[in-house]
Protein backbone atom coordinates (compact mmCIF):
# COMPACT_ATOMS: atom_id res chain seq x y z
CA UNK A 1 -13.48 19.85 -12.82
CA UNK A 2 -10.03 19.35 -11.31
CA UNK A 3 -9.48 15.81 -10.08
CA UNK A 4 -7.70 15.14 -6.80
CA UNK A 5 -4.61 12.96 -7.12
CA UNK A 6 -4.18 9.52 -5.67
CA UNK A 7 -1.16 9.30 -3.37
CA UNK A 8 0.77 7.24 -5.91
CA UNK A 9 0.45 10.05 -8.47
CA UNK A 10 1.85 12.83 -6.25
CA UNK A 11 5.32 14.14 -7.28
CA UNK A 12 7.84 12.70 -4.86
CA UNK A 13 9.45 16.07 -4.10
CA UNK A 14 6.15 17.21 -2.57
CA UNK A 15 6.16 14.33 -0.09
CA UNK A 16 8.13 13.59 3.04
CA UNK A 17 10.96 11.06 3.10
CA UNK A 18 10.29 8.53 5.86
CA UNK A 19 13.46 6.51 5.24
CA UNK A 20 15.24 8.19 8.15
CA UNK A 21 12.61 6.61 10.39
CA UNK A 22 12.83 3.20 8.69
CA UNK A 23 14.53 2.28 5.44
CA UNK A 24 11.49 0.36 4.29
CA UNK A 25 8.50 -1.60 5.51
CA UNK A 26 10.53 -4.72 6.27
CA UNK A 27 12.82 -2.70 8.56
CA UNK A 28 9.76 -1.38 10.36
CA UNK A 29 8.32 -4.88 10.70
CA UNK A 30 11.61 -6.14 12.14
CA UNK A 31 11.72 -3.36 14.74
CA UNK A 32 8.05 -3.87 15.55
CA UNK A 33 8.71 -7.53 16.33
CA UNK A 34 11.91 -6.74 18.24
CA UNK A 35 10.16 -4.11 20.34
CA UNK A 36 7.26 -6.44 21.07
CA UNK A 37 9.74 -9.03 22.34
CA UNK A 38 11.65 -6.40 24.32
CA UNK A 39 8.61 -5.58 26.43
CA UNK A 40 9.66 -8.49 28.63
CA UNK A 41 12.83 -6.62 29.63
CA UNK A 42 10.98 -4.66 32.28
CA UNK A 43 9.45 -7.70 34.00
CA UNK A 44 12.56 -8.58 36.11
CA UNK A 45 12.17 -5.27 37.96
CA UNK A 46 8.69 -6.09 39.25
CA UNK A 47 8.65 -6.06 43.05
CA UNK A 48 12.24 -4.73 43.29
CA UNK A 49 11.96 -0.94 42.85
CA UNK A 50 12.43 -0.32 46.56
CA UNK A 51 15.75 -2.18 46.66
CA UNK A 52 17.93 0.80 45.79
CA UNK A 53 18.18 3.95 43.74
CA UNK A 54 20.36 2.11 41.25
CA UNK A 55 17.69 -0.55 40.65
CA UNK A 56 15.03 2.10 40.19
CA UNK A 57 17.26 3.99 37.75
CA UNK A 58 17.91 0.88 35.65
CA UNK A 59 14.20 0.18 35.50
CA UNK A 60 13.33 3.73 34.47
CA UNK A 61 16.09 3.72 31.85
CA UNK A 62 14.65 0.51 30.40
CA UNK A 63 11.14 1.97 30.29
CA UNK A 64 12.44 5.16 28.66
CA UNK A 65 14.24 3.18 25.94
CA UNK A 66 11.11 1.15 25.20
CA UNK A 67 8.98 4.28 24.98
CA UNK A 68 11.44 6.01 22.66
CA UNK A 69 11.47 2.97 20.37
CA UNK A 70 7.66 2.86 20.44
CA UNK A 71 7.55 6.52 19.42
CA UNK A 72 9.64 5.79 16.37
CA UNK A 73 7.60 2.73 15.40
CA UNK A 74 4.29 4.47 15.97
CA UNK A 75 5.34 7.65 14.15
CA UNK A 76 6.15 5.68 11.00
CA UNK A 77 2.71 4.07 11.05
CA UNK A 78 0.97 7.31 11.96
CA UNK A 79 2.61 9.34 9.21
CA UNK A 80 1.87 6.80 6.52
CA UNK A 81 -1.76 6.66 7.62
CA UNK A 82 -1.86 10.48 7.65
CA UNK A 83 -0.54 10.66 4.08
CA UNK A 84 -3.27 8.30 2.86
CA UNK A 85 -5.91 7.09 5.30
CA UNK A 86 -7.66 5.11 2.58
CA UNK A 87 -4.83 2.55 2.31
CA UNK A 88 -5.87 -0.68 4.13
CA UNK A 89 -2.25 -1.59 4.88
CA UNK A 90 -1.67 1.77 6.56
CA UNK A 91 -4.91 1.43 8.50
CA UNK A 92 -3.86 -2.03 9.70
CA UNK A 93 -0.38 -0.86 10.71
CA UNK A 94 -1.87 2.00 12.70
CA UNK A 95 -4.18 -0.39 14.52
CA UNK A 96 -1.29 -2.77 15.26
CA UNK A 97 0.71 0.08 16.77
CA UNK A 98 -2.24 0.96 18.99
CA UNK A 99 -2.29 -2.60 20.26
CA UNK A 100 1.48 -2.59 20.80
CA UNK A 101 1.24 0.64 22.77
CA UNK A 102 -1.42 -0.94 24.98
CA UNK A 103 0.81 -3.95 25.59
CA UNK A 104 3.68 -1.67 26.53
CA UNK A 105 1.43 0.29 28.86
CA UNK A 106 0.29 -2.90 30.56
CA UNK A 107 3.88 -4.19 30.85
CA UNK A 108 5.14 -1.10 32.64
CA UNK A 109 2.03 -0.17 34.63
CA UNK A 110 3.49 -1.69 37.81
CA UNK A 111 6.37 0.82 37.76
CA UNK A 112 4.34 3.87 38.74
CA UNK A 113 2.34 1.88 41.29
CA UNK A 114 5.47 0.53 42.99
CA UNK A 115 7.13 3.97 43.07
CA UNK A 116 4.09 5.55 44.69
CA UNK A 117 3.95 2.71 47.23
CA UNK A 118 7.45 3.50 48.50
CA UNK A 119 7.71 5.06 51.99
CA UNK A 120 7.55 8.86 51.85
CA UNK A 121 11.25 9.43 52.49
CA UNK A 122 12.57 6.62 50.29
CA UNK A 123 12.19 8.29 46.92
CA UNK A 124 13.82 11.47 48.18
CA UNK A 125 16.74 9.47 49.55
CA UNK A 126 17.15 7.59 46.27
CA UNK A 127 17.22 10.86 44.32
CA UNK A 128 19.82 12.31 46.68
CA UNK A 129 22.06 9.24 46.62
CA UNK A 130 21.83 7.96 43.04
CA UNK A 131 23.09 10.27 40.27
CA UNK A 132 21.66 7.97 37.57
CA UNK A 133 18.18 9.03 38.72
CA UNK A 134 18.83 12.71 37.97
CA UNK A 135 17.35 12.63 34.43
CA UNK A 136 14.16 11.15 35.90
CA UNK A 137 13.71 13.68 38.70
CA UNK A 138 11.15 15.81 36.89
CA UNK A 139 8.97 12.89 35.83
CA UNK A 140 9.18 11.35 39.30
CA UNK A 141 8.14 14.59 40.97
CA UNK A 142 5.18 14.89 38.63
CA UNK A 143 4.23 11.30 39.23
CA UNK A 144 4.11 11.97 42.97
CA UNK A 145 1.68 14.84 42.31
CA UNK A 146 -0.84 12.29 40.99
CA UNK A 147 -0.62 10.07 44.08
CA UNK A 148 -3.95 11.17 45.62
CA UNK A 149 -5.72 10.00 42.47
CA UNK A 150 -3.96 6.70 41.81
CA UNK A 151 -5.89 3.46 41.93
CA UNK A 152 -4.65 0.03 43.01
CA UNK A 153 -1.90 -1.66 41.03
CA UNK A 154 -4.27 -4.22 39.48
CA UNK A 155 -6.73 -1.53 38.43
CA UNK A 156 -3.98 0.62 36.95
CA UNK A 157 -2.74 -2.41 35.03
CA UNK A 158 -6.21 -3.12 33.70
CA UNK A 159 -6.67 0.48 32.56
CA UNK A 160 -3.29 0.39 30.84
CA UNK A 161 -4.21 -2.85 29.04
CA UNK A 162 -7.38 -1.15 27.79
CA UNK A 163 -5.39 1.72 26.26
CA UNK A 164 -6.30 0.79 22.70
CA UNK A 165 -9.99 0.54 23.57
CA UNK A 166 -9.95 3.83 25.48
CA UNK A 167 -8.45 5.49 22.43
CA UNK A 168 -11.15 4.10 20.12
CA UNK A 169 -13.29 7.27 19.81
CA UNK A 170 -10.41 9.22 18.28
CA UNK A 171 -9.39 6.30 16.06
CA UNK A 172 -12.94 5.87 14.75
CA UNK A 173 -13.32 9.59 14.08
CA UNK A 174 -10.01 9.79 12.20
CA UNK A 175 -10.72 6.65 10.16
CA UNK A 176 -14.13 7.92 9.12
CA UNK A 177 -12.86 11.40 8.34
CA UNK A 178 -10.02 10.13 6.17
CA UNK A 179 -11.73 7.23 4.45
CA UNK A 180 -15.52 7.45 4.47
CA UNK A 181 -16.96 10.94 4.53
CA UNK A 182 -17.63 12.38 1.08
CA UNK A 183 -18.60 15.85 -0.13
CA UNK A 184 -20.55 16.45 -3.34
CA UNK A 185 -19.09 18.72 -6.04
CA UNK A 186 -20.62 22.19 -6.23
CA UNK A 187 -21.12 24.79 -8.94
CA UNK A 188 -20.08 28.44 -8.66
CA UNK A 189 -21.85 31.49 -10.09
CA UNK A 190 -20.04 31.09 -13.42
CA UNK A 191 -21.24 27.50 -13.78
CA UNK A 192 -17.86 25.90 -13.07
CA UNK A 193 -17.95 22.69 -11.06
CA UNK A 194 -15.53 22.15 -8.16
CA UNK A 195 -14.66 19.02 -6.16
CA UNK A 196 -14.84 19.25 -2.38
CA UNK A 197 -13.15 17.57 0.57
CA UNK A 198 -12.02 18.43 4.09
CA UNK A 199 -8.63 19.57 2.80
CA UNK A 200 -9.98 21.49 -0.18
CA UNK A 201 -12.58 23.28 1.91
CA UNK A 202 -10.14 24.33 4.62
CA UNK A 203 -7.23 25.28 2.37
CA UNK A 204 -8.88 26.59 -0.81
CA UNK A 205 -12.54 27.46 -0.34
CA UNK A 206 -12.99 28.79 3.18
CA UNK A 207 -10.98 31.94 2.42
CA UNK A 208 -11.89 32.18 -1.27
CA UNK A 209 -12.59 35.69 -2.52
CA UNK A 210 -15.51 34.53 -4.68
CA UNK A 211 -18.63 34.49 -2.52
CA UNK A 212 -20.35 31.95 -4.78
CA UNK A 213 -17.38 29.56 -4.40
CA UNK A 214 -17.16 30.13 -0.66
CA UNK A 215 -20.86 29.64 -0.01
CA UNK A 216 -21.27 26.84 -2.54
CA UNK A 217 -18.43 24.94 -0.90
CA UNK A 218 -20.04 25.61 2.49
CA UNK A 219 -23.35 24.09 1.42
CA UNK A 220 -21.56 21.01 0.08
CA UNK A 221 -19.39 20.78 3.18
CA UNK A 222 -22.31 21.16 5.59
CA UNK A 223 -24.33 18.50 3.75
CA UNK A 224 -21.40 16.10 3.99
CA UNK A 225 -21.09 16.69 7.72
CA UNK A 226 -24.81 16.27 8.29
CA UNK A 227 -24.69 12.73 6.95
CA UNK A 228 -22.38 11.83 9.85
CA UNK A 229 -23.97 14.06 12.50
CA UNK A 230 -25.19 11.25 14.73
CA UNK A 231 -22.16 9.04 14.17
CA UNK A 232 -19.65 11.72 15.21
CA UNK A 233 -21.87 12.70 18.12
CA UNK A 234 -21.66 9.11 19.34
CA UNK A 235 -17.86 9.14 19.13
CA UNK A 236 -17.66 12.39 21.12
CA UNK A 237 -20.22 11.11 23.62
CA UNK A 238 -18.08 8.02 24.17
CA UNK A 239 -14.98 10.17 24.69
CA UNK A 240 -16.82 12.39 27.16
CA UNK A 241 -18.32 9.49 29.11
CA UNK A 242 -14.91 7.81 29.28
CA UNK A 243 -13.29 10.89 30.78
CA UNK A 244 -16.16 11.52 33.20
CA UNK A 245 -15.96 7.92 34.41
CA UNK A 246 -12.17 7.95 34.88
CA UNK A 247 -12.30 11.29 36.70
CA UNK A 248 -14.83 9.88 39.13
CA UNK A 249 -12.89 6.64 39.60
CA UNK A 250 -9.78 8.64 40.44
CA UNK A 251 -11.58 10.96 42.84
CA UNK A 252 -11.21 14.27 41.03
CA UNK A 253 -13.65 17.07 41.82
CA UNK A 254 -14.53 17.35 38.13
CA UNK A 255 -13.58 15.98 34.75
CA UNK A 256 -11.85 19.28 33.97
CA UNK A 257 -9.66 18.90 37.05
CA UNK A 258 -8.73 15.40 35.88
CA UNK A 259 -7.89 16.54 32.35
CA UNK A 260 -5.93 19.57 33.61
CA UNK A 261 -3.72 17.48 35.93
CA UNK A 262 -1.20 16.75 33.19
CA UNK A 263 -1.18 20.39 32.05
CA UNK A 264 0.66 21.52 35.20
CA UNK A 265 -1.02 24.92 35.33
CA UNK A 266 -3.37 26.46 37.90
CA UNK A 267 -7.06 25.97 37.22
CA UNK A 268 -7.32 29.76 37.30
CA UNK A 269 -5.30 30.08 34.10
CA UNK A 270 -7.82 27.87 32.30
CA UNK A 271 -10.82 29.85 33.55
CA UNK A 272 -9.13 33.21 32.94
CA UNK A 273 -8.39 32.26 29.34
CA UNK A 274 -11.99 31.22 28.73
CA UNK A 275 -13.64 34.15 30.48
CA UNK A 276 -11.39 37.10 29.61
CA UNK A 277 -10.92 36.32 25.94
CA UNK A 278 -14.59 35.59 25.32
CA UNK A 279 -15.71 38.76 27.11
CA UNK A 280 -13.07 41.18 25.83
CA UNK A 281 -12.38 39.81 22.35
CA UNK A 282 -15.96 39.42 21.13
CA UNK A 283 -16.59 43.18 20.58
CA UNK A 284 -13.37 43.48 18.55
CA UNK A 285 -14.13 40.47 16.38
CA UNK A 286 -17.71 41.62 15.84
CA UNK A 287 -16.30 44.94 14.57
CA UNK A 288 -14.07 42.98 12.22
CA UNK A 289 -17.00 41.08 10.74
CA UNK A 290 -19.05 44.25 10.32
CA UNK A 291 -16.08 45.70 8.45
CA UNK A 292 -16.00 42.58 6.28
CA UNK A 293 -19.68 42.90 5.47
CA UNK A 294 -19.27 46.58 4.50
CA UNK A 295 -16.11 46.17 2.41
CA UNK A 296 -17.30 43.07 0.56
CA UNK A 297 -20.87 44.29 0.14
CA UNK A 298 -22.34 41.12 1.66
CA UNK A 299 -26.05 40.83 2.40
CA UNK A 300 -25.05 39.23 5.69
CA UNK A 301 -22.03 37.51 7.20
CA UNK A 302 -22.39 33.75 7.43
CA UNK A 303 -20.00 31.48 9.30
CA UNK A 304 -18.44 30.55 5.96
CA UNK A 305 -17.63 34.23 5.33
CA UNK A 306 -15.54 34.71 8.47
CA UNK A 307 -12.23 34.30 6.62
CA UNK A 308 -13.15 35.95 3.33
CA UNK A 309 -10.28 38.26 2.20
CA UNK A 310 -11.01 41.98 2.46
CA UNK A 311 -8.63 42.88 -0.35
CA UNK A 312 -8.87 39.99 -2.80
CA UNK A 313 -7.08 41.93 -5.51
CA UNK A 314 -3.98 41.95 -3.33
CA UNK A 315 -3.65 38.24 -2.79
CA UNK A 316 -1.11 37.08 -5.40
CA UNK A 317 -0.31 33.36 -5.38
CA UNK A 318 2.90 32.44 -3.62
CA UNK A 319 4.97 29.44 -4.58
CA UNK A 320 6.37 27.04 -2.02
CA UNK A 321 9.90 28.12 -2.96
CA UNK A 322 9.08 31.81 -2.50
CA UNK A 323 7.52 31.07 0.86
CA UNK A 324 10.61 29.15 1.97
CA UNK A 325 12.85 32.12 1.14
CA UNK A 326 10.62 34.49 3.09
CA UNK A 327 10.40 32.13 6.06
CA UNK A 328 14.16 31.71 6.25
CA UNK A 329 14.67 35.46 6.17
CA UNK A 330 12.10 35.94 8.92
CA UNK A 331 13.95 33.45 11.16
CA UNK A 332 17.28 35.33 11.03
CA UNK A 333 16.79 36.93 14.48
CA UNK A 334 16.90 33.39 15.92
CA UNK A 335 20.52 32.92 14.84
CA UNK A 336 22.43 31.06 12.13
CA UNK A 337 22.19 27.61 13.72
CA UNK A 338 18.42 27.88 14.02
CA UNK A 339 18.05 29.14 10.45
CA UNK A 340 20.17 26.22 9.17
CA UNK A 341 17.85 23.81 10.96
CA UNK A 342 14.78 25.38 9.33
CA UNK A 343 16.51 25.34 5.92
CA UNK A 344 17.19 21.63 6.29
CA UNK A 345 13.55 20.99 7.20
CA UNK A 346 12.40 22.84 4.08
CA UNK A 347 14.86 21.30 1.62
CA UNK A 348 15.38 17.71 2.80
CA UNK A 349 11.79 16.49 2.46
CA UNK A 350 10.77 16.84 6.08
CA UNK A 351 7.58 18.50 4.78
CA UNK A 352 4.69 16.71 3.06
CA UNK A 353 2.81 19.43 1.19
CA UNK A 354 0.82 17.62 -1.50
CA UNK A 355 -2.95 17.30 -1.69
CA UNK A 356 -4.17 13.79 -2.36
CA UNK A 357 -7.17 11.60 -1.67
CA UNK A 358 -7.09 10.25 1.89
CA UNK A 359 -4.58 12.74 3.24
CA UNK A 360 -5.13 14.00 6.77
CA UNK A 361 -6.67 17.46 7.01
CA UNK A 362 -5.15 20.53 8.60
CA UNK A 363 -1.48 20.61 9.48
CA UNK A 364 0.74 19.10 12.16
CA UNK A 365 4.33 18.50 13.16
CA UNK A 366 5.42 15.10 14.47
CA UNK A 367 8.80 14.87 16.21
CA UNK A 368 10.03 11.30 16.76
CA UNK A 369 12.87 11.31 19.26
CA UNK A 370 16.30 10.64 17.80
CA UNK A 371 15.29 11.34 14.19
CA UNK A 372 13.90 14.76 13.19
CA UNK A 373 10.49 16.43 12.94
CA UNK A 374 8.08 15.77 10.08
CA UNK A 375 5.49 18.31 8.94
CA UNK A 376 2.19 17.68 7.17
CA UNK A 377 0.48 20.54 5.36
CA UNK A 378 -1.65 20.89 2.24
CA UNK A 379 -0.02 23.69 0.27
CA UNK A 380 -2.57 26.05 -1.29
CA UNK A 381 -0.19 28.69 -2.66
CA UNK A 382 -1.49 31.44 -0.38
CA UNK A 383 -0.03 33.69 2.28
CA UNK A 384 -2.16 31.77 4.79
CA UNK A 385 -0.36 28.59 3.75
CA UNK A 386 2.95 30.34 4.43
CA UNK A 387 1.82 31.33 7.93
CA UNK A 388 0.61 27.79 8.58
CA UNK A 389 3.97 26.41 7.48
CA UNK A 390 5.70 28.93 9.76
CA UNK A 391 3.54 27.65 12.61
CA UNK A 392 4.51 24.01 12.09
CA UNK A 393 8.17 24.94 11.66
CA UNK A 394 7.92 26.55 15.10
CA UNK A 395 6.99 23.17 16.53
CA UNK A 396 9.85 21.61 14.59
CA UNK A 397 12.40 24.13 15.85
CA UNK A 398 11.18 23.69 19.42
CA UNK A 399 11.38 19.92 19.49
CA UNK A 400 14.51 19.84 17.38
CA UNK A 401 16.28 21.86 20.09
CA UNK A 402 14.64 19.94 22.92
CA UNK A 403 15.69 16.59 21.45
CA UNK A 404 19.24 17.85 21.02
CA UNK A 405 19.57 18.98 24.64
CA UNK A 406 17.28 16.64 26.60
CA UNK A 407 16.76 12.94 27.02
CA UNK A 408 13.54 11.43 25.75
CA UNK A 409 11.89 11.55 29.16
CA UNK A 410 12.42 15.33 29.40
CA UNK A 411 11.69 16.40 25.82
CA UNK A 412 8.06 17.45 25.86
CA UNK A 413 6.67 20.25 28.04
CA UNK A 414 3.09 20.10 29.26
CA UNK A 415 0.45 20.99 26.70
CA UNK A 416 -0.20 24.67 27.63
CA UNK A 417 3.29 25.64 26.43
CA UNK A 418 3.38 23.57 23.24
CA UNK A 419 1.69 26.12 20.98
CA UNK A 420 3.80 29.12 22.07
CA UNK A 421 6.88 28.35 19.89
CA UNK A 422 4.75 27.70 16.82
CA UNK A 423 2.81 30.93 17.12
CA UNK A 424 6.05 32.78 17.88
CA UNK A 425 7.16 31.85 14.35
CA UNK A 426 4.04 33.48 12.93
CA UNK A 427 4.84 36.65 14.88
CA UNK A 428 8.39 36.70 13.49
CA UNK A 429 7.09 36.20 9.96
CA UNK A 430 4.57 39.03 10.28
CA UNK A 431 7.14 41.44 11.73
CA UNK A 432 9.62 40.56 8.96
CA UNK A 433 7.14 41.30 6.17
CA UNK A 434 5.98 44.54 7.80
CA UNK A 435 9.55 45.72 8.32
CA UNK A 436 10.39 45.13 4.69
CA UNK A 437 7.60 47.16 3.11
CA UNK A 438 6.06 50.63 3.42
CA UNK A 439 3.21 49.72 1.10
CA UNK A 440 -0.18 50.23 2.76
CA UNK A 441 -1.77 47.26 1.02
CA UNK A 442 1.08 44.99 2.11
CA UNK A 443 0.67 46.14 5.68
CA UNK A 444 -3.07 45.61 5.46
CA UNK A 445 -2.54 42.10 4.07
CA UNK A 446 -0.17 41.15 6.88
CA UNK A 447 -2.56 42.52 9.50
CA UNK A 448 -5.26 40.30 8.05
CA UNK A 449 -2.92 37.31 8.26
CA UNK A 450 -2.20 38.12 11.90
CA UNK A 451 -5.92 38.44 12.53
CA UNK A 452 -6.28 35.04 10.88
CA UNK A 453 -3.86 33.65 13.45
CA UNK A 454 -5.74 35.30 16.30
CA UNK A 455 -9.06 34.13 14.88
CA UNK A 456 -7.80 30.57 14.65
CA UNK A 457 -6.45 30.46 18.19
CA UNK A 458 -8.52 33.03 20.09
CA UNK A 459 -11.84 32.26 18.39
CA UNK A 460 -11.98 28.86 16.69
CA UNK A 461 -10.05 26.94 19.34
CA UNK A 462 -11.28 28.99 22.28
CA UNK A 463 -14.91 28.40 21.30
CA UNK A 464 -14.06 24.70 21.03
CA UNK A 465 -12.83 24.95 24.61
CA UNK A 466 -16.04 26.69 25.66
CA UNK A 467 -18.07 23.90 24.04
CA UNK A 468 -16.02 21.33 25.96
CA UNK A 469 -16.53 23.29 29.18
CA UNK A 470 -20.30 23.21 28.74
CA UNK A 471 -20.58 19.64 27.48
CA UNK A 472 -18.56 18.16 30.34
CA UNK A 473 -20.73 20.04 32.84
CA UNK A 474 -23.87 18.73 31.15
CA UNK A 475 -22.52 15.16 31.04
CA UNK A 476 -21.60 15.28 34.73
CA UNK A 477 -25.16 16.40 35.46
CA UNK A 478 -26.50 13.33 33.68
CA UNK A 479 -27.36 14.82 30.29
CA UNK A 480 -27.06 12.54 27.27
CA UNK A 481 -24.52 13.85 24.75
CA UNK A 482 -26.32 13.64 21.41
CA UNK A 483 -26.08 15.36 18.05
CA UNK A 484 -29.05 17.53 19.03
CA UNK A 485 -27.32 18.67 22.24
CA UNK A 486 -23.98 19.30 20.50
CA UNK A 487 -25.57 21.24 17.64
CA UNK A 488 -27.65 23.33 20.00
CA UNK A 489 -24.81 24.03 22.43
CA UNK A 490 -22.35 24.89 19.65
CA UNK A 491 -24.92 27.27 18.20
CA UNK A 492 -25.36 28.95 21.58
CA UNK A 493 -21.60 29.33 22.00
CA UNK A 494 -21.23 30.87 18.54
CA UNK A 495 -24.25 33.17 18.93
CA UNK A 496 -23.05 34.35 22.32
CA UNK A 497 -19.68 35.32 20.85
CA UNK A 498 -20.76 36.81 17.52
CA UNK A 499 -24.02 38.47 18.55
CA UNK A 500 -25.84 39.96 15.57
CA UNK A 501 -22.63 40.39 13.54
CA UNK A 502 -22.76 36.85 12.13
CA UNK A 503 -25.72 34.67 11.17
CA UNK A 504 -25.37 31.22 12.71
CA UNK A 505 -26.83 28.62 10.34
CA UNK A 506 -27.15 24.84 10.67
CA UNK A 507 -23.72 24.30 9.13
CA UNK A 508 -22.14 26.53 11.79
CA UNK A 509 -23.88 24.53 14.51
CA UNK A 510 -22.21 21.38 13.19
CA UNK A 511 -18.66 22.74 13.15
CA UNK A 512 -17.81 20.66 16.23
CA UNK A 513 -17.53 17.81 13.71
CA UNK A 514 -14.52 19.38 11.99
CA UNK A 515 -11.85 19.17 14.68
CA UNK A 516 -10.04 16.22 16.31
CA UNK A 517 -9.19 18.28 19.41
CA UNK A 518 -12.21 17.03 21.35
CA UNK A 519 -10.45 13.67 21.57
CA UNK A 520 -7.26 15.18 23.03
CA UNK A 521 -8.34 16.14 26.53
CA UNK A 522 -8.60 19.91 27.04
CA UNK A 523 -6.25 20.70 24.18
CA UNK A 524 -8.25 23.57 22.55
CA UNK A 525 -7.74 26.23 25.26
CA UNK A 526 -3.96 25.74 25.16
CA UNK A 527 -3.78 27.44 21.74
CA UNK A 528 -4.91 30.64 23.41
CA UNK A 529 -2.30 30.23 26.15
CA UNK A 530 0.36 29.85 23.48
CA UNK A 531 -0.89 32.88 21.57
CA UNK A 532 -0.87 35.06 24.70
CA UNK A 533 2.71 34.00 25.46
CA UNK A 534 3.83 34.42 21.84
CA UNK A 535 2.25 37.88 21.62
CA UNK A 536 4.14 39.01 24.72
CA UNK A 537 7.36 37.35 23.57
CA UNK A 538 7.15 38.88 20.10
CA UNK A 539 6.90 42.31 21.65
CA UNK A 540 9.93 41.61 23.86
CA UNK A 541 12.00 40.48 20.88
CA UNK A 542 11.03 43.67 19.03
CA UNK A 543 12.00 45.80 22.05
CA UNK A 544 15.08 43.98 23.34
CA UNK A 545 16.50 42.12 20.35
CA UNK A 546 19.16 39.49 21.04
CA UNK A 547 18.75 39.19 24.85
CA UNK A 548 15.08 38.24 24.43
CA UNK A 549 15.96 35.79 21.65
CA UNK A 550 18.59 34.12 23.81
CA UNK A 551 16.09 33.69 26.65
CA UNK A 552 13.63 32.16 24.20
CA UNK A 553 16.21 29.72 22.83
CA UNK A 554 17.05 28.71 26.39
CA UNK A 555 13.37 27.98 26.97
CA UNK A 556 13.14 25.86 23.82
CA UNK A 557 16.22 23.87 24.83
CA UNK A 558 14.68 23.22 28.26
CA UNK A 559 12.06 20.92 26.74
CA UNK A 560 9.88 19.53 29.51
CA UNK A 561 12.21 20.13 32.45
CA UNK A 562 10.05 23.02 33.67
CA UNK A 563 6.32 23.55 34.03
CA UNK A 564 4.58 25.82 31.46
CA UNK A 565 4.38 28.91 33.66
CA UNK A 566 8.04 28.41 34.66
CA UNK A 567 9.08 28.22 31.01
CA UNK A 568 7.20 31.42 30.26
CA UNK A 569 8.69 33.10 33.31
CA UNK A 570 12.17 32.12 32.11
CA UNK A 571 11.36 33.82 28.81
CA UNK A 572 10.27 36.94 30.69
CA UNK A 573 6.50 36.50 30.43
CA UNK A 574 4.52 36.34 33.69
CA UNK A 575 1.42 34.25 33.02
CA UNK A 576 0.61 33.89 36.73
CA UNK A 577 -1.49 37.05 36.35
CA UNK A 578 -4.20 37.79 33.77
CA UNK A 579 -2.44 40.91 32.50
CA UNK A 580 -0.79 39.25 29.47
CA UNK A 581 -4.25 38.02 28.42
CA UNK A 582 -5.69 41.54 28.63
CA UNK A 583 -2.67 42.86 26.70
CA UNK A 584 -3.00 40.28 23.91
CA UNK A 585 -6.70 41.03 23.42
CA UNK A 586 -5.97 44.76 23.38
CA UNK A 587 -3.34 44.14 20.69
CA UNK A 588 -5.98 42.42 18.54
CA UNK A 589 -8.19 45.48 19.01
CA UNK A 590 -5.37 47.75 17.84
CA UNK A 591 -4.92 45.66 14.67
CA UNK A 592 -8.61 45.99 13.86
CA UNK A 593 -8.44 49.73 14.57
CA UNK A 594 -5.69 50.10 11.97
CA UNK A 595 -7.52 47.91 9.48
CA UNK A 596 -10.72 49.96 9.82
CA UNK A 597 -8.80 53.16 9.11
CA UNK A 598 -7.29 51.69 5.94
CA UNK A 599 -10.65 51.05 4.23
């Protein structure tokens, strides 16, 4: 049985180089202490923000500098904990950063309260008269939008001071997932024993061509989750109750309205995404699973079979170096400067691709302002790994450009746009491979990869969003959020989508335990928004070429200076109507049509 490596045994070239964040731990400690002391720099502005536009600008500049420094300090701690969550020193550093962030939040909480207490015409006059306030215009305008839901200054300060406590459900879930939960080894049909873990299951076993490996891993994985069923239900219940309570304190009509405030999109976009995709996509995806059952000769399709390859004989391993070459070639339509950026990310250890005990599952891109993005992935040597890397590089390219052209305060757009650039990379990769080959099996393979992307974002994450939608409604009605309720509701969501095409077993009902997104507000539905936008944008690039690419680069450079629908409109995609959603679902149907004809 293959043994998973400890972090210390991983080849260094497979790890990221964090020295551009901090040269070493002592440098991080020094900055941590310096930043903690610097929190006092904002105190002299208390009670003075109405004096003049210049005073307000100096205060906001000070807060921005503190927040940018905190991002760098917290990213270093977060990335080390992500590379090995079993290390007590990394756990402690992560907790210390959480406490520091809470202290910063408490120190600056008066700023928003004082700004919102200004007479109605004062802020407008300050913005008109003081040019130093220009970089803060967007954030100030969005702050004013929250005014009807702001509490008193003392209450806001208390909530800010409790930031670390309010973030506890996510911290507990991540700590347990990285350090405590264990999965028993399993034996395949040939008698070979395999180790199991979150990372191994999601990167190696879930899409394994061998049914005995896939289903054996699933049994092991489900048993491991079951041991923590009530514990993780308690963490989600705490997160839900926290959000319900804050929404009511702030006077929102619903918890969803509260959580959508920061997304800067109409509530109708959220409901359209949930309703249209579930209704129109389900028949297509059910066809896909019936095709899978027929081609693979399965007795039935279980949840663990959803990603089984249809053409396992055409799934050659791909090295990291080969994938990098293909990715760079696929990015050429974005221009030489963009390709050089991606090349640097791939060759200068911005990517941590090893598998080791304690490493965070899944993949992510972290972009500390003033440094460069860092990507975590567990490389499995598959085409799916290449598409996942393309996805994270899309985040890196987006925030690399935004950091280059915007100040810290204007770097990040609201959440519904964040996934569009990453999925756009996957579209470029797929189009590049298809354009370079006339081979039917190659085309079929790429279509399956695209369907994997759509499954991940239009099914996995959208059904997470549907679970959230139902659970928040139940919690607001006074229902207790327990493991029994979560298992039952998740099962109902899955059964409603898959119908009789997929058998929903107990392991499937517990899949809410796999994802951290439930602790990130209403994050899950935004993947679908990004996929709709990326689908439309990919088609425009194919039709228009350079003009569409230039619009897209302009959008990436804009960072957070525009709202999500405005960014998409600038790119030439009108998300104010449901038509792009209908079009994206229809495109998925066309892919499945072609796949059915090829078998």
